């Protein structure tokens, strides 16, 4: 236990000795995790918003007017048995006429003296299939049925949603990867400077029989502390920003950033991992 506290104390001492290099690493981790944290919440909420928009887009399947009730019932069972489909609604010609009257304020029988509206099904897909590729695939399968006349869905809007969601996620992932790499390199350089400044002490420790793990431990602790401090600062800033957004700017932005305590815990853990990764990288090069 005394060895553990000794190594912990050495880790703190190393952080103090690193001065500007350690402070710079903490600042970089701090800024990086602010951007990563806000980017994560933004990406998460963007995905939820896009999924919510997609959930409002149903697929309409129009049936030939010549189809009899037995064929329609058989097709309805086929739809209900498809794993991709969450909900199936049948719209008879009479129901379609009532909907027409409700939406347009005109009685279709007054206009045409007959009901030209065909029977149809409106299907709602499960979340995982609410994308253009899945909908096109499902439409091709259903179009092969002889009683299907036409299938309609909002292809252009779905295409745009999929396109810009992919672009946004790609940019966020690229920024996240870049910031992570920069943080690891800077922490690594900070630890390298500490190791170089203490090279005589390290040589002495090895001469008196200190193990590699004993020598490496303070530097790993130092890296973890740099990451933890930077991440804690980031968590504080992000919490303050979201608090202001949710309390002071609700009249300006129709948006609330909802995050749980787990988000901040994972942010601090992530910062510690960044610090440990940077220190491990430095140690492998200089103490191997």
Protein backbone atom coordinates (compact mmCIF):
# COMPACT_ATOMS: atom_id res chain seq x y z
CA UNK A 1 0.00 0.00 0.00
CA UNK A 2 2.88 2.35 0.82
CA UNK A 3 4.35 1.66 -2.61
CA UNK A 4 1.04 2.64 -4.23
CA UNK A 5 0.91 5.97 -2.36
CA UNK A 6 4.57 6.60 -3.17
CA UNK A 7 3.92 6.07 -6.89
CA UNK A 8 0.81 8.26 -6.71
CA UNK A 9 2.82 11.01 -5.01
CA UNK A 10 5.51 10.72 -7.68
CA UNK A 11 2.84 11.03 -10.36
CA UNK A 12 1.63 14.30 -8.80
CA UNK A 13 5.20 15.54 -8.46
CA UNK A 14 5.85 14.75 -12.10
CA UNK A 15 2.76 16.74 -13.07
CA UNK A 16 4.01 19.75 -11.06
CA UNK A 17 7.53 19.43 -12.51
CA UNK A 18 6.26 19.32 -16.09
CA UNK A 19 5.02 22.93 -15.65
CA UNK A 20 4.22 24.49 -19.03
CA UNK A 21 4.34 21.22 -20.97
CA UNK A 22 1.88 19.55 -18.60
CA UNK A 23 -0.36 22.64 -18.50
CA UNK A 24 -0.39 22.80 -22.29
CA UNK A 25 -1.39 19.13 -22.51
CA UNK A 26 -4.21 19.71 -20.00
CA UNK A 27 -5.45 22.71 -22.02
CA UNK A 28 -5.41 20.73 -25.27
CA UNK A 29 -7.31 17.83 -23.67
CA UNK A 30 -9.70 20.35 -22.14
CA UNK A 31 -10.46 22.01 -25.50
CA UNK A 32 -10.54 18.70 -27.37
CA UNK A 33 -13.03 17.10 -25.00
CA UNK A 34 -15.25 20.18 -25.02
CA UNK A 35 -15.50 19.86 -28.81
CA UNK A 36 -15.87 16.07 -28.66
CA UNK A 37 -18.51 16.24 -25.90
CA UNK A 38 -20.59 18.92 -27.62
CA UNK A 39 -20.14 17.11 -30.95
CA UNK A 40 -21.31 13.85 -29.43
CA UNK A 41 -24.48 15.40 -27.97
CA UNK A 42 -25.13 17.23 -31.25
CA UNK A 43 -24.64 14.05 -33.31
CA UNK A 44 -26.84 12.03 -30.95
CA UNK A 45 -29.66 14.58 -31.10
CA UNK A 46 -29.29 14.93 -34.86
CA UNK A 47 -29.76 11.18 -35.26
CA UNK A 48 -32.83 11.29 -33.01
CA UNK A 49 -34.26 14.22 -35.01
CA UNK A 50 -33.67 12.50 -38.35
CA UNK A 51 -35.23 9.28 -37.03
CA UNK A 52 -38.21 11.28 -35.84
CA UNK A 53 -38.62 12.82 -39.30
CA UNK A 54 -38.29 9.41 -40.93
CA UNK A 55 -40.94 7.96 -38.61
CA UNK A 56 -43.45 10.38 -40.14
CA UNK A 57 -42.80 9.09 -43.66
CA UNK A 58 -45.07 6.15 -44.39
CA UNK A 59 -44.98 3.93 -47.46
CA UNK A 60 -48.23 3.87 -49.46
CA UNK A 61 -49.05 0.75 -51.45
CA UNK A 62 -51.86 1.16 -53.99
CA UNK A 63 -53.78 -1.93 -55.05
CA UNK A 64 -55.38 -2.62 -58.46
CA UNK A 65 -59.10 -1.90 -58.31
CA UNK A 66 -59.68 -5.26 -59.93
CA UNK A 67 -58.27 -7.12 -56.88
CA UNK A 68 -60.88 -9.04 -54.91
CA UNK A 69 -61.19 -9.09 -51.12
CA UNK A 70 -59.55 -12.50 -50.80
CA UNK A 71 -56.44 -11.28 -52.63
CA UNK A 72 -56.36 -8.13 -50.52
CA UNK A 73 -56.62 -10.15 -47.30
CA UNK A 74 -53.85 -12.46 -48.45
CA UNK A 75 -51.61 -9.49 -49.25
CA UNK A 76 -52.43 -7.92 -45.84
CA UNK A 77 -51.25 -11.10 -44.10
CA UNK A 78 -48.09 -11.04 -46.16
CA UNK A 79 -47.36 -7.49 -45.00
CA UNK A 80 -48.05 -8.32 -41.35
CA UNK A 81 -45.64 -11.26 -41.50
CA UNK A 82 -42.73 -9.18 -42.83
CA UNK A 83 -40.18 -8.50 -40.10
CA UNK A 84 -39.34 -5.09 -41.59
CA UNK A 85 -42.89 -3.78 -41.09
CA UNK A 86 -44.03 -2.46 -37.73
CA UNK A 87 -47.59 -1.39 -38.54
CA UNK A 88 -50.04 -2.03 -41.40
CA UNK A 89 -53.17 0.04 -42.11
CA UNK A 90 -55.66 -0.87 -44.81
CA UNK A 91 -57.52 1.98 -46.51
CA UNK A 92 -60.63 0.97 -48.43
CA UNK A 93 -61.94 3.09 -51.34
CA UNK A 94 -64.71 4.43 -49.06
CA UNK A 95 -62.17 5.38 -46.37
CA UNK A 96 -60.02 7.03 -49.02
CA UNK A 97 -63.05 9.07 -50.18
CA UNK A 98 -63.68 10.23 -46.60
CA UNK A 99 -60.03 11.21 -46.24
CA UNK A 100 -60.22 13.14 -49.52
CA UNK A 101 -63.26 15.05 -48.23
CA UNK A 102 -61.50 15.81 -44.94
CA UNK A 103 -58.29 17.06 -46.57
CA UNK A 104 -59.74 18.95 -49.54
CA UNK A 105 -63.25 19.83 -48.34
CA UNK A 106 -64.83 18.35 -51.45
CA UNK A 107 -66.98 15.27 -51.90
CA UNK A 108 -65.36 13.18 -54.60
CA UNK A 109 -68.78 11.86 -55.70
CA UNK A 110 -69.91 15.42 -56.43
CA UNK A 111 -66.86 15.90 -58.65
CA UNK A 112 -66.75 12.62 -60.55
CA UNK A 113 -70.04 10.82 -59.79
CA UNK A 114 -67.91 7.78 -58.90
CA UNK A 115 -65.10 6.80 -56.58
CA UNK A 116 -61.86 6.40 -58.57
CA UNK A 117 -59.74 5.93 -55.46
CA UNK A 118 -58.19 2.45 -55.22
CA UNK A 119 -57.78 0.39 -52.07
CA UNK A 120 -54.38 0.88 -50.46
CA UNK A 121 -52.15 0.00 -47.55
CA UNK A 122 -50.08 2.39 -45.49
CA UNK A 123 -47.15 0.68 -43.81
CA UNK A 124 -44.76 1.93 -41.16
CA UNK A 125 -41.33 0.33 -41.04
CA UNK A 126 -39.30 -0.52 -37.99
CA UNK A 127 -36.60 2.00 -37.02
CA UNK A 128 -33.71 0.04 -38.50
CA UNK A 129 -35.38 -0.09 -41.93
CA UNK A 130 -36.35 3.59 -42.15
CA UNK A 131 -33.72 4.46 -44.73
CA UNK A 132 -33.74 4.79 -48.49
CA UNK A 133 -31.83 1.57 -49.25
CA UNK A 134 -34.16 -0.57 -47.12
CA UNK A 135 -37.32 1.10 -48.43
CA UNK A 136 -36.23 0.63 -52.04
CA UNK A 137 -35.45 -3.03 -51.38
CA UNK A 138 -38.82 -3.63 -49.68
CA UNK A 139 -40.62 -1.79 -52.49
CA UNK A 140 -39.00 -4.00 -55.14
CA UNK A 141 -40.13 -7.12 -53.29
CA UNK A 142 -43.71 -5.90 -52.84
CA UNK A 143 -43.96 -4.61 -56.42
CA UNK A 144 -43.65 -8.17 -57.68
CA UNK A 145 -47.04 -9.02 -56.23
CA UNK A 146 -49.68 -9.01 -58.99
CA UNK A 147 -52.24 -6.96 -57.05
CA UNK A 148 -49.83 -4.07 -56.40
CA UNK A 149 -50.40 -1.14 -58.74
CA UNK A 150 -48.01 1.47 -57.36
CA UNK A 151 -45.82 2.16 -54.32
CA UNK A 152 -45.16 5.70 -53.21
CA UNK A 153 -42.76 7.13 -50.64
CA UNK A 154 -40.80 10.37 -50.24
CA UNK A 155 -37.70 9.27 -52.08
CA UNK A 156 -36.06 12.69 -52.55
CA UNK A 157 -36.43 13.72 -48.92
CA UNK A 158 -35.14 10.35 -47.68
CA UNK A 159 -32.19 10.62 -50.05
CA UNK A 160 -31.30 14.07 -48.69
CA UNK A 161 -31.69 12.93 -45.07
CA UNK A 162 -29.42 9.93 -45.62
CA UNK A 163 -26.87 11.98 -47.56
CA UNK A 164 -26.48 14.84 -45.10
CA UNK A 165 -26.61 12.54 -42.08
CA UNK A 166 -23.69 10.54 -43.51
CA UNK A 167 -21.74 13.73 -44.22
CA UNK A 168 -22.37 15.15 -40.75
CA UNK A 169 -21.39 11.91 -39.00
CA UNK A 170 -18.27 11.55 -41.16
CA UNK A 171 -17.16 15.09 -40.26
CA UNK A 172 -17.81 14.49 -36.56
CA UNK A 173 -15.86 11.21 -36.60
CA UNK A 174 -12.97 12.85 -38.46
CA UNK A 175 -12.84 15.72 -35.96
CA UNK A 176 -13.05 13.28 -33.05
CA UNK A 177 -10.21 11.13 -34.44
CA UNK A 178 -8.05 14.21 -35.13
CA UNK A 179 -8.57 15.69 -31.67
CA UNK A 180 -7.89 12.34 -30.03
CA UNK A 181 -4.65 11.93 -31.96
CA UNK A 182 -3.53 15.48 -31.15
CA UNK A 183 -4.27 15.00 -27.44
CA UNK A 184 -2.38 11.70 -27.28
CA UNK A 185 0.66 13.20 -29.07
CA UNK A 186 0.76 16.27 -26.83
CA UNK A 187 0.43 14.25 -23.62
CA UNK A 188 3.12 11.93 -24.97
CA UNK A 189 5.45 14.86 -25.63
CA UNK A 190 4.81 16.26 -22.15
CA UNK A 191 5.70 12.91 -20.57
CA UNK A 192 8.79 12.63 -22.80
CA UNK A 193 10.05 15.97 -21.47
CA UNK A 194 9.47 14.81 -17.90
CA UNK A 195 11.29 11.55 -18.58
CA UNK A 196 14.20 13.40 -20.21
CA UNK A 197 14.46 15.79 -17.25
CA UNK A 198 14.54 12.85 -14.83
CA UNK A 199 16.75 10.53 -16.87
CA UNK A 200 19.48 10.51 -14.20
CA UNK A 201 17.02 9.51 -11.47
CA UNK A 202 15.59 6.79 -13.74
CA UNK A 203 19.08 5.40 -14.40
CA UNK A 204 19.79 5.35 -10.68
CA UNK A 205 16.52 3.55 -9.92
CA UNK A 206 17.35 0.90 -12.49
CA UNK A 207 20.84 0.45 -11.07
CA UNK A 208 19.46 -0.22 -7.58
CA UNK A 209 17.10 -2.88 -8.96
CA UNK A 210 13.84 -1.00 -9.61
CA UNK A 211 11.57 -2.92 -11.99
CA UNK A 212 10.36 -1.43 -15.27
CA UNK A 213 6.80 -1.28 -13.95
CA UNK A 214 7.96 0.60 -10.86
CA UNK A 215 9.74 3.16 -13.03
CA UNK A 216 6.86 3.48 -15.50
CA UNK A 217 4.02 3.77 -12.98
CA UNK A 218 4.55 7.47 -11.96
CA UNK A 219 4.57 8.55 -15.61
CA UNK A 220 1.36 6.64 -16.34
CA UNK A 221 -0.22 8.25 -13.27
CA UNK A 222 1.00 11.65 -14.43
CA UNK A 223 -0.60 11.12 -17.87
CA UNK A 224 -3.84 9.94 -16.27
CA UNK A 225 -3.89 13.04 -14.04
CA UNK A 226 -3.37 15.33 -17.02
CA UNK A 227 -6.26 13.66 -18.82
CA UNK A 228 -8.49 13.66 -15.75
CA UNK A 229 -7.90 17.34 -14.99
CA UNK A 230 -8.48 18.33 -18.62
CA UNK A 231 -11.64 16.20 -18.79
CA UNK A 232 -12.97 17.60 -15.51
CA UNK A 233 -12.54 21.14 -16.81
CA UNK A 234 -14.30 20.12 -20.02
CA UNK A 235 -17.19 18.57 -18.10
CA UNK A 236 -17.59 21.78 -16.09
CA UNK A 237 -17.63 23.97 -19.20
CA UNK A 238 -20.04 21.69 -21.08
CA UNK A 239 -22.38 21.52 -18.07
CA UNK A 240 -22.37 25.33 -17.83
CA UNK A 241 -23.03 25.76 -21.56
CA UNK A 242 -25.92 23.28 -21.55
CA UNK A 243 -27.34 24.83 -18.38
CA UNK A 244 -27.35 28.28 -19.99
CA UNK A 245 -28.83 26.88 -23.20
CA UNK A 246 -31.62 25.09 -21.33
CA UNK A 247 -32.48 27.96 -18.98
CA UNK A 248 -31.59 31.27 -20.65
CA UNK A 249 -31.98 30.66 -24.37
CA UNK A 250 -35.13 28.50 -24.59
CA UNK A 251 -36.97 31.40 -26.23
CA UNK A 252 -34.27 31.69 -28.90
CA UNK A 253 -33.53 28.02 -29.62
CA UNK A 254 -36.26 25.42 -29.74
CA UNK A 255 -33.86 22.81 -28.40
CA UNK A 256 -32.88 21.31 -25.06
CA UNK A 257 -29.61 19.47 -24.53
CA UNK A 258 -30.43 16.56 -22.25
CA UNK A 259 -27.44 14.66 -20.85
CA UNK A 260 -27.16 12.40 -17.83
CA UNK A 261 -24.46 12.19 -15.19
CA UNK A 262 -23.11 9.16 -17.05
CA UNK A 263 -22.09 11.45 -19.93
CA UNK A 264 -19.81 13.46 -17.64
CA UNK A 265 -18.44 10.31 -16.00
CA UNK A 266 -17.56 8.82 -19.39
CA UNK A 267 -16.02 12.15 -20.42
CA UNK A 268 -13.68 12.08 -17.41
CA UNK A 269 -12.87 8.41 -17.99
CA UNK A 270 -12.19 9.21 -21.65
CA UNK A 271 -9.81 12.01 -20.67
CA UNK A 272 -7.95 9.68 -18.32
CA UNK A 273 -7.62 7.11 -21.11
CA UNK A 274 -6.25 9.79 -23.43
CA UNK A 275 -3.65 10.72 -20.80
CA UNK A 276 -2.69 7.09 -20.16
CA UNK A 277 -2.42 6.45 -23.92
CA UNK A 278 -0.09 9.41 -24.34
CA UNK A 279 2.11 8.48 -21.39
CA UNK A 280 2.26 4.82 -22.48
CA UNK A 281 3.32 5.94 -25.96
CA UNK A 282 6.15 8.02 -24.48
CA UNK A 283 7.26 5.30 -22.09
CA UNK A 284 7.51 2.67 -24.83
CA UNK A 285 9.87 4.85 -26.79
CA UNK A 286 12.08 6.13 -24.00
CA UNK A 287 12.09 3.34 -21.43
CA UNK A 288 11.98 0.23 -23.57
